[in-house]
Amino acid sequence: MRFVANRAVAAAGPVIETFTPLSGRVLGYLAVGAGLLLALASVSDPIANQGAILVGVILSLIAWVVLIRPLVVAHTNGVVLRNMVSDTFIPWSSIEKALVLQTLRVVTPTKVYHGLGVSRSARSIVKESRPGHATPGFFGMGGSGALGRSDSPAVDPHAGGTYQAYVESRLHDLAAAPPKGSPSGTSTQPVVSWAVLPLVAVAVAALCAGLLLL
């Protein structure tokens, strides 16, 4: 399912890179597939199998909204936090810090925005906070979290570093040196917009749930 462009997506410009851990999306696609199989296997007798069809539709829609749709996408003009039912565009010039905890937190001068597309489990956060454990900190730069050049190279997710640390490092690089074509200055403000398709999906799932209760 492709999302319909809204104000946040329109302001972001062309896509540069998409960030999302593979595990959550695999689980999401498995859930969507299971829901579709359940619904399709039941259409031979839709009256007798109405409950199974509705459950399959609900499972597929909710899995897409919760597990597949959330992404963090780097665009020419800034980053888009694509959450379950909304999109948030944050221009590179507004980003002060970014840190992946249980959600991706992007700090601007006025507000902290959360992205569900990249996250870290509570267990890994506790593990990395133990004494003697090296943590990437903001943008993989250690504990200071200041936005600026790092003396250490960016974390390569294919060379033993965590994917979350790579996302922090990559966002740091883009915020410190915006891509060519990105608007200059600090006048551009973050834009938050509702996303049409997931709202429709949630409404349809709620309708199916209501039919199940009849």
C-alpha atoms as a PDB file:
ATOM      1  CA  MET A   1       0.000   0.000   0.000  1.00  0.00           C
ATOM      2  CA  ARG A   2       1.444   3.352  -1.001  1.00  0.00           C
ATOM      3  CA  PHE A   3       0.522   6.324   1.116  1.00  0.00           C
ATOM      4  CA  VAL A   4      -1.219   9.378  -0.282  1.00  0.00           C
ATOM      5  CA  ALA A   5       1.009  12.468  -0.196  1.00  0.00           C
ATOM      6  CA  ASN A   6       0.056  15.067   2.414  1.00  0.00           C
ATOM      7  CA  ARG A   7       1.574  18.398   3.490  1.00  0.00           C
ATOM      8  CA  ALA A   8       4.386  16.747   5.415  1.00  0.00           C
ATOM      9  CA  VAL A   9       5.417  14.474   2.558  1.00  0.00           C
ATOM     10  CA  ALA A  10       5.027  17.238  -0.028  1.00  0.00           C
ATOM     11  CA  ALA A  11       7.352  19.517   1.947  1.00  0.00           C
ATOM     12  CA  ALA A  12      10.060  16.861   2.282  1.00  0.00           C
ATOM     13  CA  GLY A  13      11.243  16.599  -1.320  1.00  0.00           C
ATOM     14  CA  PRO A  14      12.764  13.514  -2.979  1.00  0.00           C
ATOM     15  CA  VAL A  15      13.602  10.439  -0.884  1.00  0.00           C
ATOM     16  CA  ILE A  16      17.261   9.837  -0.035  1.00  0.00           C
ATOM     17  CA  GLU A  17      17.136   6.821   2.292  1.00  0.00           C
ATOM     18  CA  THR A  18      14.558   4.807   4.223  1.00  0.00           C
ATOM     19  CA  PHE A  19      15.260   3.489   7.729  1.00  0.00           C
ATOM     20  CA  THR A  20      13.423   0.589   9.332  1.00  0.00           C
ATOM     21  CA  PRO A  21      14.560  -2.548  11.190  1.00  0.00           C
ATOM     22  CA  LEU A  22      13.871  -5.662   9.135  1.00  0.00           C
ATOM     23  CA  SER A  23      12.433  -7.770  11.980  1.00  0.00           C
ATOM     24  CA  GLY A  24       9.338  -5.667  12.610  1.00  0.00           C
ATOM     25  CA  ARG A  25       8.448  -5.482   8.934  1.00  0.00           C
ATOM     26  CA  VAL A  26       8.884  -9.238   8.464  1.00  0.00           C
ATOM     27  CA  LEU A  27       6.493  -9.840  11.361  1.00  0.00           C
ATOM     28  CA  GLY A  28       4.092  -7.329   9.842  1.00  0.00           C
ATOM     29  CA  TYR A  29       4.126  -8.951   6.416  1.00  0.00           C
ATOM     30  CA  LEU A  30       3.623 -12.383   8.001  1.00  0.00           C
ATOM     31  CA  ALA A  31       0.607 -11.057   9.919  1.00  0.00           C
ATOM     32  CA  VAL A  32      -0.842  -9.411   6.803  1.00  0.00           C
ATOM     33  CA  GLY A  33      -0.319 -12.624   4.845  1.00  0.00           C
ATOM     34  CA  ALA A  34      -1.960 -14.714   7.547  1.00  0.00           C
ATOM     35  CA  GLY A  35      -4.953 -12.381   7.647  1.00  0.00           C
ATOM     36  CA  LEU A  36      -5.352 -12.421   3.874  1.00  0.00           C
ATOM     37  CA  LEU A  37      -5.057 -16.208   3.732  1.00  0.00           C
ATOM     38  CA  LEU A  38      -7.698 -16.556   6.436  1.00  0.00           C
ATOM     39  CA  ALA A  39     -10.060 -14.215   4.608  1.00  0.00           C
ATOM     40  CA  LEU A  40      -9.485 -15.786   1.184  1.00  0.00           C
ATOM     41  CA  ALA A  41      -9.857 -19.323   2.508  1.00  0.00           C
ATOM     42  CA  SER A  42     -13.244 -18.381   3.951  1.00  0.00           C
ATOM     43  CA  VAL A  43     -14.842 -16.680   0.933  1.00  0.00           C
ATOM     44  CA  SER A  44     -16.153 -19.985  -0.450  1.00  0.00           C
ATOM     45  CA  ASP A  45     -19.003 -19.692   2.032  1.00  0.00           C
ATOM     46  CA  PRO A  46     -19.072 -16.000   3.074  1.00  0.00           C
ATOM     47  CA  ILE A  47     -22.268 -16.305   5.120  1.00  0.00           C
ATOM     48  CA  ALA A  48     -21.115 -19.213   7.258  1.00  0.00           C
ATOM     49  CA  ASN A  49     -17.542 -17.912   7.468  1.00  0.00           C
ATOM     50  CA  GLN A  50     -18.339 -14.230   7.977  1.00  0.00           C
ATOM     51  CA  GLY A  51     -16.531 -14.133  11.313  1.00  0.00           C
ATOM     52  CA  ALA A  52     -13.335 -15.610   9.879  1.00  0.00           C
ATOM     53  CA  ILE A  53     -13.383 -13.177   6.949  1.00  0.00           C
ATOM     54  CA  LEU A  54     -13.821 -10.194   9.278  1.00  0.00           C
ATOM     55  CA  VAL A  55     -11.028 -11.402  11.575  1.00  0.00           C
ATOM     56  CA  GLY A  56      -8.706 -11.830   8.585  1.00  0.00           C
ATOM     57  CA  VAL A  57      -9.455  -8.325   7.315  1.00  0.00           C
ATOM     58  CA  ILE A  58      -8.951  -6.808  10.775  1.00  0.00           C
ATOM     59  CA  LEU A  59      -5.641  -8.647  11.262  1.00  0.00           C
ATOM     60  CA  SER A  60      -4.293  -7.537   7.876  1.00  0.00           C
ATOM     61  CA  LEU A  61      -5.281  -3.885   8.272  1.00  0.00           C
ATOM     62  CA  ILE A  62      -4.029  -3.499  11.838  1.00  0.00           C
ATOM     63  CA  ALA A  63      -0.754  -5.296  11.054  1.00  0.00           C
ATOM     64  CA  TRP A  64      -0.129  -2.913   8.143  1.00  0.00           C
ATOM     65  CA  VAL A  65      -0.880   0.179  10.227  1.00  0.00           C
ATOM     66  CA  VAL A  66       1.078  -0.893  13.317  1.00  0.00           C
ATOM     67  CA  LEU A  67       3.985  -2.958  11.966  1.00  0.00           C
ATOM     68  CA  ILE A  68       4.568  -2.079   8.314  1.00  0.00           C
ATOM     69  CA  ARG A  69       3.621   1.576   7.818  1.00  0.00           C
ATOM     70  CA  PRO A  70       5.909   3.184  10.449  1.00  0.00           C
ATOM     71  CA  LEU A  71       9.150   4.311   8.806  1.00  0.00           C
ATOM     72  CA  VAL A  72      11.824   6.960   9.163  1.00  0.00           C
ATOM     73  CA  VAL A  73      12.602   8.437   5.761  1.00  0.00           C
ATOM     74  CA  ALA A  74      15.404  10.872   4.910  1.00  0.00           C
ATOM     75  CA  HIS A  75      14.386  13.327   2.175  1.00  0.00           C
ATOM     76  CA  THR A  76      16.262  16.153   0.478  1.00  0.00           C
ATOM     77  CA  ASN A  77      14.678  18.817   2.707  1.00  0.00           C
ATOM     78  CA  GLY A  78      14.522  16.906   5.984  1.00  0.00           C
ATOM     79  CA  VAL A  79      13.397  13.724   7.710  1.00  0.00           C
ATOM     80  CA  VAL A  80       9.846  12.346   7.694  1.00  0.00           C
ATOM     81  CA  LEU A  81       8.684  10.340  10.701  1.00  0.00           C
ATOM     82  CA  ARG A  82       6.005   8.154   9.186  1.00  0.00           C
ATOM     83  CA  ASN A  83       3.975   6.888  12.137  1.00  0.00           C
ATOM     84  CA  MET A  84       0.797   4.815  12.308  1.00  0.00           C
ATOM     85  CA  VAL A  85      -1.739   7.490  11.292  1.00  0.00           C
ATOM     86  CA  SER A  86       0.363  10.620  10.810  1.00  0.00           C
ATOM     87  CA  ASP A  87       3.460  11.945   9.062  1.00  0.00           C
ATOM     88  CA  THR A  88       5.857  14.487  10.579  1.00  0.00           C
ATOM     89  CA  PHE A  89       8.339  16.424   8.430  1.00  0.00           C
ATOM     90  CA  ILE A  90      11.317  17.962  10.253  1.00  0.00           C
ATOM     91  CA  PRO A  91      13.724  20.098   8.172  1.00  0.00           C
ATOM     92  CA  TRP A  92      17.418  19.391   8.596  1.00  0.00           C
ATOM     93  CA  SER A  93      18.038  22.930   9.862  1.00  0.00           C
ATOM     94  CA  SER A  94      15.663  22.343  12.814  1.00  0.00           C
ATOM     95  CA  ILE A  95      17.262  19.144  14.093  1.00  0.00           C
ATOM     96  CA  GLU A  96      19.417  19.549  17.205  1.00  0.00           C
ATOM     97  CA  LYS A  97      19.671  15.944  18.382  1.00  0.00           C
ATOM     98  CA  ALA A  98      18.341  12.496  17.587  1.00  0.00           C
ATOM     99  CA  LEU A  99      18.414   9.417  19.768  1.00  0.00           C
ATOM    100  CA  VAL A 100      16.925   5.967  19.345  1.00  0.00           C
ATOM    101  CA  LEU A 101      15.371   4.771  22.595  1.00  0.00           C
ATOM    102  CA  GLN A 102      12.036   2.949  22.599  1.00  0.00           C
ATOM    103  CA  THR A 103      11.216   5.341  19.748  1.00  0.00           C
ATOM    104  CA  LEU A 104      13.377   7.576  17.605  1.00  0.00           C
ATOM    105  CA  ARG A 105      13.436  10.984  19.297  1.00  0.00           C
ATOM    106  CA  VAL A 106      14.238  13.972  17.099  1.00  0.00           C
ATOM    107  CA  VAL A 107      14.900  17.122  19.119  1.00  0.00           C
ATOM    108  CA  THR A 108      14.163  20.571  17.682  1.00  0.00           C
ATOM    109  CA  PRO A 109      14.438  23.967  19.434  1.00  0.00           C
ATOM    110  CA  THR A 110      10.745  23.855  20.385  1.00  0.00           C
ATOM    111  CA  LYS A 111       9.692  20.208  20.588  1.00  0.00           C
ATOM    112  CA  VAL A 112      10.727  16.568  20.649  1.00  0.00           C
ATOM    113  CA  TYR A 113       9.185  14.452  17.876  1.00  0.00           C
ATOM    114  CA  HIS A 114       8.846  10.679  18.089  1.00  0.00           C
ATOM    115  CA  GLY A 115       9.234   8.241  15.197  1.00  0.00           C
ATOM    116  CA  LEU A 116       7.923   4.696  15.575  1.00  0.00           C
ATOM    117  CA  GLY A 117       9.753   3.372  12.530  1.00  0.00           C
ATOM    118  CA  VAL A 118      13.057   2.842  14.376  1.00  0.00           C
ATOM    119  CA  SER A 119      13.136   1.745  17.997  1.00  0.00           C
ATOM    120  CA  ARG A 120      15.199  -0.046  20.606  1.00  0.00           C
ATOM    121  CA  SER A 121      13.900  -2.616  23.077  1.00  0.00           C
ATOM    122  CA  ALA A 122      13.832  -1.817  26.774  1.00  0.00           C
ATOM    123  CA  ARG A 123      16.184  -4.762  27.345  1.00  0.00           C
ATOM    124  CA  SER A 124      18.839  -3.387  24.991  1.00  0.00           C
ATOM    125  CA  ILE A 125      18.558   0.084  26.571  1.00  0.00           C
ATOM    126  CA  VAL A 126      19.180  -1.391  30.040  1.00  0.00           C
ATOM    127  CA  LYS A 127      22.077  -3.467  28.709  1.00  0.00           C
ATOM    128  CA  GLU A 128      23.759  -0.491  27.059  1.00  0.00           C
ATOM    129  CA  SER A 129      23.342   1.632  30.196  1.00  0.00           C
ATOM    130  CA  ARG A 130      25.383  -0.778  32.325  1.00  0.00           C
ATOM    131  CA  PRO A 131      28.806   0.480  33.464  1.00  0.00           C
ATOM    132  CA  GLY A 132      31.565  -0.389  31.040  1.00  0.00           C
ATOM    133  CA  HIS A 133      29.253  -0.878  28.094  1.00  0.00           C
ATOM    134  CA  ALA A 134      30.096   1.408  25.173  1.00  0.00           C
ATOM    135  CA  THR A 135      27.041   3.290  23.935  1.00  0.00           C
ATOM    136  CA  PRO A 136      26.801   5.231  20.710  1.00  0.00           C
ATOM    137  CA  GLY A 137      25.012   8.191  22.295  1.00  0.00           C
ATOM    138  CA  PHE A 138      23.515  10.856  20.046  1.00  0.00           C
ATOM    139  CA  PHE A 139      24.239  10.042  16.421  1.00  0.00           C
ATOM    140  CA  GLY A 140      26.743   7.395  17.506  1.00  0.00           C
ATOM    141  CA  MET A 141      29.109  10.041  18.914  1.00  0.00           C
ATOM    142  CA  GLY A 142      29.285   9.098  22.571  1.00  0.00           C
ATOM    143  CA  GLY A 143      27.462  10.737  25.440  1.00  0.00           C
ATOM    144  CA  SER A 144      27.664  14.435  24.642  1.00  0.00           C
ATOM    145  CA  GLY A 145      24.891  14.519  22.025  1.00  0.00           C
ATOM    146  CA  ALA A 146      26.053  17.804  20.530  1.00  0.00           C
ATOM    147  CA  LEU A 147      25.257  18.342  16.893  1.00  0.00           C
ATOM    148  CA  GLY A 148      28.535  18.717  15.071  1.00  0.00           C
ATOM    149  CA  ARG A 149      31.261  16.742  13.429  1.00  0.00           C
ATOM    150  CA  SER A 150      32.267  13.483  15.033  1.00  0.00           C
ATOM    151  CA  ASP A 151      35.873  12.341  15.204  1.00  0.00           C
ATOM    152  CA  SER A 152      34.735   8.727  14.935  1.00  0.00           C
ATOM    153  CA  PRO A 153      33.483   7.261  11.649  1.00  0.00           C
ATOM    154  CA  ALA A 154      29.809   6.596  11.065  1.00  0.00           C
ATOM    155  CA  VAL A 155      28.605   3.228  12.289  1.00  0.00           C
ATOM    156  CA  ASP A 156      28.275   0.657   9.536  1.00  0.00           C
ATOM    157  CA  PRO A 157      25.338  -1.670  10.283  1.00  0.00           C
ATOM    158  CA  HIS A 158      27.052  -4.377   8.231  1.00  0.00           C
ATOM    159  CA  ALA A 159      30.311  -4.153  10.206  1.00  0.00           C
ATOM    160  CA  GLY A 160      29.118  -5.082  13.704  1.00  0.00           C
ATOM    161  CA  GLY A 161      27.470  -1.834  14.800  1.00  0.00           C
ATOM    162  CA  THR A 162      23.801  -1.683  15.723  1.00  0.00           C
ATOM    163  CA  TYR A 163      21.278  -0.507  13.167  1.00  0.00           C
ATOM    164  CA  GLN A 164      19.964   2.074  15.638  1.00  0.00           C
ATOM    165  CA  ALA A 165      23.437   3.585  15.996  1.00  0.00           C
ATOM    166  CA  TYR A 166      23.705   3.737  12.213  1.00  0.00           C
ATOM    167  CA  VAL A 167      20.404   5.655  12.000  1.00  0.00           C
ATOM    168  CA  GLU A 168      21.597   8.152  14.628  1.00  0.00           C
ATOM    169  CA  SER A 169      24.914   8.617  12.812  1.00  0.00           C
ATOM    170  CA  ARG A 170      23.268   8.974   9.402  1.00  0.00           C
ATOM    171  CA  LEU A 171      20.764  11.565  10.633  1.00  0.00           C
ATOM    172  CA  HIS A 172      23.639  13.468  12.244  1.00  0.00           C
ATOM    173  CA  ASP A 173      25.520  13.584   8.964  1.00  0.00           C
ATOM    174  CA  LEU A 174      22.492  14.802   7.023  1.00  0.00           C
ATOM    175  CA  ALA A 175      21.569  17.430   9.603  1.00  0.00           C
ATOM    176  CA  ALA A 176      25.151  18.713   9.817  1.00  0.00           C
ATOM    177  CA  ALA A 177      25.551  18.837   6.025  1.00  0.00           C
ATOM    178  CA  PRO A 178      22.109  18.941   4.337  1.00  0.00           C
ATOM    179  CA  PRO A 179      21.895  17.400   0.857  1.00  0.00           C
ATOM    180  CA  LYS A 180      22.314  19.576  -2.203  1.00  0.00           C
ATOM    181  CA  GLY A 181      19.013  21.239  -3.037  1.00  0.00           C
ATOM    182  CA  SER A 182      17.845  21.449   0.565  1.00  0.00           C
ATOM    183  CA  PRO A 183      16.490  24.944   1.425  1.00  0.00           C
ATOM    184  CA  SER A 184      18.899  27.062   3.460  1.00  0.00           C
ATOM    185  CA  GLY A 185      18.078  29.042   6.572  1.00  0.00           C
ATOM    186  CA  THR A 186      15.977  28.200   9.639  1.00  0.00           C
ATOM    187  CA  SER A 187      12.610  29.606   8.590  1.00  0.00           C
ATOM    188  CA  THR A 188      11.201  26.221   7.544  1.00  0.00           C
ATOM    189  CA  GLN A 189       9.162  24.686  10.352  1.00  0.00           C
ATOM    190  CA  PRO A 190       8.165  21.078  11.087  1.00  0.00           C
ATOM    191  CA  VAL A 191       4.903  19.954   9.519  1.00  0.00           C
ATOM    192  CA  VAL A 192       2.575  17.353  11.048  1.00  0.00           C
ATOM    193  CA  SER A 193      -0.166  15.890   8.855  1.00  0.00           C
ATOM    194  CA  TRP A 194      -2.731  13.111   9.178  1.00  0.00           C
ATOM    195  CA  ALA A 195      -2.236  10.217   6.744  1.00  0.00           C
ATOM    196  CA  VAL A 196      -5.375   9.265   4.811  1.00  0.00           C
ATOM    197  CA  LEU A 197      -4.814   5.569   4.040  1.00  0.00           C
ATOM    198  CA  PRO A 198      -4.074   4.372   7.584  1.00  0.00           C
ATOM    199  CA  LEU A 199      -7.016   6.368   8.924  1.00  0.00           C
ATOM    200  CA  VAL A 200      -9.237   4.626   6.379  1.00  0.00           C
ATOM    201  CA  ALA A 201      -7.687   1.277   7.324  1.00  0.00           C
ATOM    202  CA  VAL A 202      -8.391   1.862  11.015  1.00  0.00           C
ATOM    203  CA  ALA A 203     -11.964   2.913  10.238  1.00  0.00           C
ATOM    204  CA  VAL A 204     -12.551  -0.220   8.149  1.00  0.00           C
ATOM    205  CA  ALA A 205     -11.046  -2.406  10.885  1.00  0.00           C
ATOM    206  CA  ALA A 206     -13.300  -0.751  13.460  1.00  0.00           C
ATOM    207  CA  LEU A 207     -16.324  -1.360  11.202  1.00  0.00           C
ATOM    208  CA  CYS A 208     -15.383  -5.022  10.853  1.00  0.00           C
ATOM    209  CA  ALA A 209     -14.983  -5.309  14.618  1.00  0.00           C
ATOM    210  CA  GLY A 210     -18.441  -3.798  15.048  1.00  0.00           C
ATOM    211  CA  LEU A 211     -19.909  -6.341  12.626  1.00  0.00           C
ATOM    212  CA  LEU A 212     -18.297  -9.144  14.614  1.00  0.00           C
ATOM    213  CA  LEU A 213     -20.166  -8.012  17.710  1.00  0.00           C
ATOM    214  CA  LEU A 214     -23.574  -7.953  16.028  1.00  0.00           C
END
